[in-house]
Amino acid sequence: MQIKNNYDKEVFNGDIGIIESVNDTDRTLKVNFDGHIVEYDVSELDELVHAYATTIHKAQGSEYPIVVMPVLMNHYIMLQRNLIYTGITRAKKILVLVGTRKALSYAVRNVTVSKRNTMLKERLSGGKVILKHKREC
C-alpha cells in the first residue's frame, strides 16, 4: 500500500499494488497498481507498507472484495457508528464481523464523534481567528 501521495509516479495514499519484481543489483522493485507499473528505488521504500491488514482510516475511499473486521469491547474506543459504517461499506462482496453482539450494539448506538484538535483554522489564518461561530461535527 502506498502511504503518501507521489504525483511524479501517479500513485496516491491508499493505493494497493502487488510487487512484480525485485532487482537486487539496481536496488529497485516494481509494483503493479492495477496495470500501472511503478518502479521504486530503495530510498523510496518508506512510501510502501504491507496491505494484508489495514485500518479503517487507511481504507477510506477504497473497496475490497472481502473485509474481515474485528468488533470487540477490548477496543471500545474505536466502537463508533461512523467507523463501523466505514468498515462495512469497504466490502464489495463479503463482510465478516469477528467479535461480539454487545460490541456491535455498543458501536451502533455510539454516535459520539471525538473532537479533532487539528488547529486547521489557526493554520489557515496564520494564528488569527477567522471564524466567528463554533460548529459541532
N, C-alpha and C. Protein backbone atom coordinates (compact mmCIF):
# COMPACT_ATOMS: atom_id res chain seq x y z
N MET A 1 0.84 -1.18 0.00
CA MET A 1 0.00 0.00 0.00
C MET A 1 0.89 1.24 0.00
N GLN A 2 0.56 2.13 -0.89
CA GLN A 2 1.23 3.43 -0.94
C GLN A 2 0.68 4.26 0.22
N ILE A 3 1.54 4.87 1.01
CA ILE A 3 1.07 5.60 2.20
C ILE A 3 1.23 7.11 2.09
N LYS A 4 1.68 7.59 0.95
CA LYS A 4 1.66 9.04 0.75
C LYS A 4 1.55 9.32 -0.74
N ASN A 5 0.99 10.45 -1.06
CA ASN A 5 0.83 10.81 -2.47
C ASN A 5 2.18 11.00 -3.14
N ASN A 6 2.32 10.43 -4.33
CA ASN A 6 3.52 10.63 -5.14
C ASN A 6 3.05 10.99 -6.54
N TYR A 7 2.94 12.27 -6.79
CA TYR A 7 2.38 12.76 -8.06
C TYR A 7 3.29 12.43 -9.24
N ASP A 8 4.59 12.39 -9.02
CA ASP A 8 5.52 12.04 -10.11
C ASP A 8 5.28 10.62 -10.60
N LYS A 9 4.99 9.71 -9.69
CA LYS A 9 4.77 8.31 -10.05
C LYS A 9 3.29 8.01 -10.32
N GLU A 10 2.44 8.98 -10.05
CA GLU A 10 0.99 8.84 -10.21
C GLU A 10 0.42 7.72 -9.35
N VAL A 11 0.91 7.65 -8.10
CA VAL A 11 0.35 6.74 -7.09
C VAL A 11 0.01 7.58 -5.87
N PHE A 12 -1.04 7.16 -5.17
CA PHE A 12 -1.58 8.01 -4.13
C PHE A 12 -1.86 7.23 -2.85
N ASN A 13 -1.93 7.95 -1.76
CA ASN A 13 -2.16 7.38 -0.45
C ASN A 13 -3.35 6.42 -0.49
N GLY A 14 -3.12 5.18 -0.08
CA GLY A 14 -4.19 4.19 -0.06
C GLY A 14 -4.21 3.26 -1.26
N ASP A 15 -3.46 3.58 -2.32
CA ASP A 15 -3.41 2.69 -3.49
C ASP A 15 -2.73 1.39 -3.09
N ILE A 16 -3.30 0.27 -3.55
CA ILE A 16 -2.75 -1.04 -3.23
C ILE A 16 -2.25 -1.70 -4.50
N GLY A 17 -1.04 -2.22 -4.44
CA GLY A 17 -0.44 -2.89 -5.58
C GLY A 17 0.17 -4.21 -5.18
N ILE A 18 0.71 -4.88 -6.18
CA ILE A 18 1.38 -6.16 -5.98
C ILE A 18 2.81 -6.04 -6.48
N ILE A 19 3.77 -6.48 -5.67
CA ILE A 19 5.17 -6.43 -6.08
C ILE A 19 5.36 -7.40 -7.24
N GLU A 20 5.84 -6.88 -8.36
CA GLU A 20 6.04 -7.68 -9.57
C GLU A 20 7.45 -8.24 -9.65
N SER A 21 8.44 -7.41 -9.27
CA SER A 21 9.83 -7.87 -9.37
C SER A 21 10.71 -7.07 -8.43
N VAL A 22 11.83 -7.71 -8.05
CA VAL A 22 12.83 -7.07 -7.20
C VAL A 22 14.16 -7.21 -7.91
N ASN A 23 14.88 -6.10 -8.05
CA ASN A 23 16.18 -6.11 -8.69
C ASN A 23 17.23 -5.79 -7.63
N ASP A 24 17.94 -6.84 -7.18
CA ASP A 24 18.95 -6.67 -6.12
C ASP A 24 20.13 -5.84 -6.59
N THR A 25 20.47 -5.94 -7.87
CA THR A 25 21.62 -5.22 -8.39
C THR A 25 21.36 -3.71 -8.40
N ASP A 26 20.22 -3.31 -8.97
CA ASP A 26 19.88 -1.87 -9.04
C ASP A 26 19.22 -1.36 -7.76
N ARG A 27 18.88 -2.29 -6.86
CA ARG A 27 18.19 -1.95 -5.62
C ARG A 27 16.87 -1.23 -5.90
N THR A 28 16.07 -1.85 -6.77
CA THR A 28 14.76 -1.32 -7.12
C THR A 28 13.72 -2.44 -7.04
N LEU A 29 12.47 -2.04 -6.97
CA LEU A 29 11.40 -3.01 -7.13
C LEU A 29 10.29 -2.38 -7.94
N LYS A 30 9.52 -3.25 -8.60
CA LYS A 30 8.40 -2.79 -9.42
C LYS A 30 7.11 -3.27 -8.79
N VAL A 31 6.16 -2.34 -8.71
CA VAL A 31 4.86 -2.63 -8.12
C VAL A 31 3.79 -2.39 -9.18
N ASN A 32 2.86 -3.34 -9.28
CA ASN A 32 1.75 -3.23 -10.23
C ASN A 32 0.52 -2.72 -9.49
N PHE A 33 0.13 -1.50 -9.81
CA PHE A 33 -1.09 -0.89 -9.28
C PHE A 33 -2.16 -0.96 -10.37
N ASP A 34 -2.92 -2.05 -10.41
CA ASP A 34 -3.98 -2.24 -11.42
C ASP A 34 -3.50 -1.95 -12.83
N GLY A 35 -2.39 -2.56 -13.21
CA GLY A 35 -1.86 -2.41 -14.56
C GLY A 35 -0.88 -1.25 -14.73
N HIS A 36 -0.78 -0.40 -13.76
CA HIS A 36 0.16 0.73 -13.78
C HIS A 36 1.41 0.29 -13.01
N ILE A 37 2.50 0.00 -13.74
CA ILE A 37 3.73 -0.49 -13.13
C ILE A 37 4.57 0.71 -12.67
N VAL A 38 4.94 0.68 -11.40
CA VAL A 38 5.70 1.78 -10.81
C VAL A 38 7.00 1.21 -10.25
N GLU A 39 8.12 1.87 -10.59
CA GLU A 39 9.43 1.43 -10.09
C GLU A 39 9.84 2.30 -8.90
N TYR A 40 10.31 1.63 -7.85
CA TYR A 40 10.77 2.30 -6.64
C TYR A 40 12.25 2.03 -6.43
N ASP A 41 12.97 3.07 -6.12
CA ASP A 41 14.35 2.96 -5.69
C ASP A 41 14.34 2.61 -4.20
N VAL A 42 15.41 2.02 -3.71
CA VAL A 42 15.48 1.62 -2.31
C VAL A 42 15.21 2.81 -1.37
N SER A 43 15.56 4.01 -1.78
CA SER A 43 15.35 5.19 -0.94
C SER A 43 13.88 5.60 -0.85
N GLU A 44 13.03 5.02 -1.70
CA GLU A 44 11.61 5.38 -1.72
C GLU A 44 10.72 4.33 -1.05
N LEU A 45 11.31 3.29 -0.52
CA LEU A 45 10.52 2.18 0.03
C LEU A 45 9.74 2.56 1.27
N ASP A 46 10.08 3.69 1.90
CA ASP A 46 9.31 4.14 3.06
C ASP A 46 7.91 4.60 2.66
N GLU A 47 7.64 4.69 1.36
CA GLU A 47 6.30 5.06 0.88
C GLU A 47 5.38 3.85 0.81
N LEU A 48 5.91 2.65 1.03
CA LEU A 48 5.14 1.41 0.91
C LEU A 48 5.05 0.67 2.23
N VAL A 49 3.90 0.06 2.48
CA VAL A 49 3.72 -0.82 3.64
C VAL A 49 2.93 -2.04 3.18
N HIS A 50 3.04 -3.14 3.94
CA HIS A 50 2.24 -4.33 3.65
C HIS A 50 0.76 -3.97 3.79
N ALA A 51 -0.07 -4.59 2.96
CA ALA A 51 -1.50 -4.28 3.00
C ALA A 51 -2.36 -5.52 3.25
N TYR A 52 -1.77 -6.56 3.82
CA TYR A 52 -2.58 -7.74 4.13
C TYR A 52 -3.58 -7.44 5.24
N ALA A 53 -3.28 -6.41 6.03
CA ALA A 53 -4.22 -5.93 7.03
C ALA A 53 -4.04 -4.42 7.10
N THR A 54 -5.13 -3.70 7.22
CA THR A 54 -5.05 -2.24 7.27
C THR A 54 -6.11 -1.70 8.22
N THR A 55 -6.04 -0.43 8.49
CA THR A 55 -7.00 0.20 9.39
C THR A 55 -8.18 0.74 8.59
N ILE A 56 -9.27 0.99 9.29
CA ILE A 56 -10.43 1.62 8.66
C ILE A 56 -10.03 2.98 8.11
N HIS A 57 -9.20 3.70 8.85
CA HIS A 57 -8.79 5.04 8.40
C HIS A 57 -8.04 4.97 7.08
N LYS A 58 -7.12 4.01 6.95
CA LYS A 58 -6.36 3.88 5.70
C LYS A 58 -7.22 3.35 4.57
N ALA A 59 -8.29 2.65 4.91
CA ALA A 59 -9.16 2.05 3.90
C ALA A 59 -10.18 3.02 3.34
N GLN A 60 -10.32 4.20 3.93
CA GLN A 60 -11.32 5.15 3.45
C GLN A 60 -11.07 5.47 1.98
N GLY A 61 -12.15 5.43 1.21
CA GLY A 61 -12.05 5.72 -0.21
C GLY A 61 -11.72 4.51 -1.05
N SER A 62 -11.47 3.36 -0.42
CA SER A 62 -11.14 2.14 -1.15
C SER A 62 -12.23 1.10 -0.94
N GLU A 63 -12.23 0.08 -1.82
CA GLU A 63 -13.12 -1.06 -1.66
C GLU A 63 -12.28 -2.32 -1.78
N TYR A 64 -12.74 -3.38 -1.13
CA TYR A 64 -12.03 -4.65 -1.13
C TYR A 64 -13.04 -5.77 -1.36
N PRO A 65 -12.64 -6.84 -2.05
CA PRO A 65 -13.57 -7.94 -2.27
C PRO A 65 -14.08 -8.54 -0.95
N ILE A 66 -13.17 -8.67 0.02
CA ILE A 66 -13.52 -9.26 1.31
C ILE A 66 -12.98 -8.37 2.43
N VAL A 67 -13.81 -8.11 3.41
CA VAL A 67 -13.39 -7.35 4.58
C VAL A 67 -13.67 -8.20 5.82
N VAL A 68 -12.64 -8.36 6.64
CA VAL A 68 -12.79 -9.02 7.94
C VAL A 68 -12.53 -7.93 8.98
N MET A 69 -13.55 -7.65 9.80
CA MET A 69 -13.44 -6.54 10.73
C MET A 69 -13.69 -7.01 12.16
N PRO A 70 -12.71 -6.80 13.05
CA PRO A 70 -12.93 -7.14 14.46
C PRO A 70 -13.84 -6.10 15.12
N VAL A 71 -14.79 -6.58 15.91
CA VAL A 71 -15.70 -5.71 16.65
C VAL A 71 -15.74 -6.26 18.07
N LEU A 72 -14.83 -5.76 18.90
CA LEU A 72 -14.65 -6.29 20.25
C LEU A 72 -14.66 -5.17 21.28
N MET A 73 -15.13 -5.48 22.46
CA MET A 73 -15.14 -4.49 23.54
C MET A 73 -13.72 -4.12 23.97
N ASN A 74 -12.74 -4.98 23.70
CA ASN A 74 -11.34 -4.67 24.03
C ASN A 74 -10.91 -3.34 23.41
N HIS A 75 -11.51 -3.00 22.28
CA HIS A 75 -11.16 -1.78 21.55
C HIS A 75 -12.33 -0.80 21.58
N TYR A 76 -12.95 -0.66 22.74
CA TYR A 76 -14.19 0.13 22.84
C TYR A 76 -14.03 1.57 22.36
N ILE A 77 -12.83 2.11 22.43
CA ILE A 77 -12.61 3.50 22.00
C ILE A 77 -12.88 3.65 20.50
N MET A 78 -12.70 2.57 19.74
CA MET A 78 -12.92 2.59 18.30
C MET A 78 -14.34 2.19 17.92
N LEU A 79 -15.14 1.81 18.88
CA LEU A 79 -16.51 1.37 18.60
C LEU A 79 -17.42 2.58 18.45
N GLN A 80 -17.40 3.14 17.26
CA GLN A 80 -18.20 4.31 16.93
C GLN A 80 -18.99 4.02 15.65
N ARG A 81 -20.21 4.51 15.59
CA ARG A 81 -21.07 4.22 14.45
C ARG A 81 -20.42 4.59 13.13
N ASN A 82 -19.78 5.75 13.06
CA ASN A 82 -19.18 6.18 11.78
C ASN A 82 -18.05 5.25 11.33
N LEU A 83 -17.28 4.71 12.28
CA LEU A 83 -16.20 3.80 11.90
C LEU A 83 -16.73 2.44 11.47
N ILE A 84 -17.78 1.96 12.16
CA ILE A 84 -18.41 0.70 11.76
C ILE A 84 -18.98 0.85 10.35
N TYR A 85 -19.66 1.95 10.09
CA TYR A 85 -20.23 2.21 8.76
C TYR A 85 -19.12 2.21 7.70
N THR A 86 -18.03 2.91 7.97
CA THR A 86 -16.93 2.97 7.00
C THR A 86 -16.36 1.58 6.75
N GLY A 87 -16.15 0.81 7.80
CA GLY A 87 -15.60 -0.54 7.64
C GLY A 87 -16.53 -1.43 6.83
N ILE A 88 -17.82 -1.40 7.15
CA ILE A 88 -18.78 -2.24 6.45
C ILE A 88 -18.88 -1.87 4.98
N THR A 89 -18.85 -0.60 4.68
CA THR A 89 -19.03 -0.17 3.29
C THR A 89 -17.77 -0.33 2.44
N ARG A 90 -16.68 -0.80 3.01
CA ARG A 90 -15.48 -1.09 2.20
C ARG A 90 -15.61 -2.43 1.49
N ALA A 91 -16.49 -3.31 1.97
CA ALA A 91 -16.62 -4.67 1.42
C ALA A 91 -17.44 -4.66 0.14
N LYS A 92 -16.86 -5.20 -0.96
CA LYS A 92 -17.58 -5.33 -2.22
C LYS A 92 -18.50 -6.55 -2.22
N LYS A 93 -17.98 -7.71 -1.78
CA LYS A 93 -18.73 -8.96 -1.86
C LYS A 93 -18.98 -9.61 -0.51
N ILE A 94 -17.96 -9.68 0.33
CA ILE A 94 -18.08 -10.43 1.58
C ILE A 94 -17.61 -9.57 2.74
N LEU A 95 -18.42 -9.57 3.80
CA LEU A 95 -18.06 -8.89 5.05
C LEU A 95 -18.13 -9.92 6.17
N VAL A 96 -17.07 -10.00 6.96
CA VAL A 96 -17.04 -10.89 8.12
C VAL A 96 -16.77 -10.03 9.35
N LEU A 97 -17.73 -10.00 10.26
CA LEU A 97 -17.54 -9.30 11.52
C LEU A 97 -17.13 -10.34 12.55
N VAL A 98 -16.00 -10.10 13.22
CA VAL A 98 -15.49 -11.02 14.22
C VAL A 98 -15.56 -10.31 15.56
N GLY A 99 -16.34 -10.85 16.48
CA GLY A 99 -16.44 -10.20 17.78
C GLY A 99 -17.71 -10.59 18.48
N THR A 100 -18.31 -9.62 19.17
CA THR A 100 -19.50 -9.89 19.98
C THR A 100 -20.65 -8.99 19.56
N ARG A 101 -21.86 -9.48 19.80
CA ARG A 101 -23.06 -8.66 19.54
C ARG A 101 -23.05 -7.43 20.43
N LYS A 102 -22.58 -7.61 21.66
CA LYS A 102 -22.52 -6.49 22.60
C LYS A 102 -21.67 -5.35 22.03
N ALA A 103 -20.52 -5.67 21.47
CA ALA A 103 -19.63 -4.65 20.91
C ALA A 103 -20.27 -3.97 19.71
N LEU A 104 -20.90 -4.75 18.84
CA LEU A 104 -21.56 -4.16 17.67
C LEU A 104 -22.72 -3.27 18.10
N SER A 105 -23.49 -3.73 19.06
CA SER A 105 -24.60 -2.93 19.57
C SER A 105 -24.10 -1.62 20.17
N TYR A 106 -23.03 -1.70 20.94
CA TYR A 106 -22.42 -0.50 21.54
C TYR A 106 -21.99 0.48 20.46
N ALA A 107 -21.33 -0.05 19.41
CA ALA A 107 -20.83 0.81 18.33
C ALA A 107 -21.96 1.49 17.58
N VAL A 108 -23.01 0.76 17.29
CA VAL A 108 -24.14 1.31 16.54
C VAL A 108 -24.83 2.43 17.32
N ARG A 109 -24.89 2.27 18.63
CA ARG A 109 -25.52 3.30 19.47
C ARG A 109 -24.59 4.48 19.75
N ASN A 110 -23.29 4.30 19.56
CA ASN A 110 -22.32 5.34 19.90
C ASN A 110 -22.16 6.31 18.72
N VAL A 111 -22.87 7.41 18.78
CA VAL A 111 -22.80 8.41 17.72
C VAL A 111 -21.88 9.57 18.10
N THR A 112 -21.20 9.44 19.23
CA THR A 112 -20.28 10.49 19.68
C THR A 112 -19.06 10.50 18.78
N VAL A 113 -18.73 11.66 18.28
CA VAL A 113 -17.53 11.79 17.47
C VAL A 113 -16.55 12.63 18.26
N SER A 114 -15.37 12.08 18.48
CA SER A 114 -14.36 12.80 19.25
C SER A 114 -13.96 14.08 18.53
N LYS A 115 -13.79 15.13 19.30
CA LYS A 115 -13.35 16.39 18.72
C LYS A 115 -11.91 16.24 18.25
N ARG A 116 -11.67 16.69 17.03
CA ARG A 116 -10.31 16.62 16.47
C ARG A 116 -9.63 17.96 16.65
N ASN A 117 -8.46 17.94 17.26
CA ASN A 117 -7.70 19.16 17.50
C ASN A 117 -6.63 19.33 16.43
N THR A 118 -7.06 19.73 15.25
CA THR A 118 -6.12 19.85 14.13
C THR A 118 -5.49 21.22 14.03
N MET A 119 -6.09 22.20 14.69
CA MET A 119 -5.62 23.59 14.62
C MET A 119 -5.68 24.13 13.18
N LEU A 120 -6.54 23.53 12.35
CA LEU A 120 -6.63 23.93 10.95
C LEU A 120 -7.01 25.40 10.80
N LYS A 121 -8.00 25.84 11.56
CA LYS A 121 -8.44 27.23 11.48
C LYS A 121 -7.27 28.17 11.74
N GLU A 122 -6.48 27.88 12.78
CA GLU A 122 -5.36 28.74 13.13
C GLU A 122 -4.26 28.69 12.07
N ARG A 123 -4.03 27.51 11.50
CA ARG A 123 -3.01 27.38 10.47
C ARG A 123 -3.38 28.14 9.21
N LEU A 124 -4.65 28.09 8.85
CA LEU A 124 -5.10 28.80 7.65
C LEU A 124 -5.05 30.31 7.81
N SER A 125 -5.27 30.77 9.03
CA SER A 125 -5.32 32.21 9.27
C SER A 125 -3.99 32.77 9.78
N GLY A 126 -2.98 31.93 9.86
CA GLY A 126 -1.69 32.39 10.37
C GLY A 126 -1.75 32.74 11.84
N GLY A 127 -2.63 32.05 12.58
CA GLY A 127 -2.74 32.30 14.01
C GLY A 127 -3.90 33.21 14.37
N LYS A 128 -4.53 33.87 13.38
CA LYS A 128 -5.65 34.76 13.65
C LYS A 128 -6.95 33.96 13.63
N VAL A 129 -7.88 34.32 14.46
CA VAL A 129 -9.18 33.67 14.45
C VAL A 129 -9.99 34.23 13.30
N ILE A 130 -10.46 33.35 12.41
CA ILE A 130 -11.18 33.82 11.23
C ILE A 130 -12.65 33.43 11.24
N LEU A 131 -13.04 32.50 12.12
CA LEU A 131 -14.45 32.12 12.19
C LEU A 131 -15.09 32.73 13.40
N LYS A 132 -16.29 33.24 13.25
CA LYS A 132 -16.99 33.92 14.33
C LYS A 132 -17.82 32.96 15.18
N HIS A 133 -18.21 31.82 14.61
CA HIS A 133 -19.03 30.88 15.37
C HIS A 133 -18.40 29.51 15.40
N LYS A 134 -18.81 28.75 16.37
CA LYS A 134 -18.27 27.41 16.55
C LYS A 134 -19.32 26.42 16.08
N ARG A 135 -18.90 25.44 15.29
CA ARG A 135 -19.82 24.44 14.78
C ARG A 135 -19.39 23.06 15.25
N GLU A 136 -20.30 22.32 15.81
CA GLU A 136 -20.01 20.97 16.28
C GLU A 136 -20.18 20.00 15.12
N CYS A 137 -19.27 19.03 15.02
CA CYS A 137 -19.35 17.99 13.98
C CYS A 137 -20.05 16.78 14.51
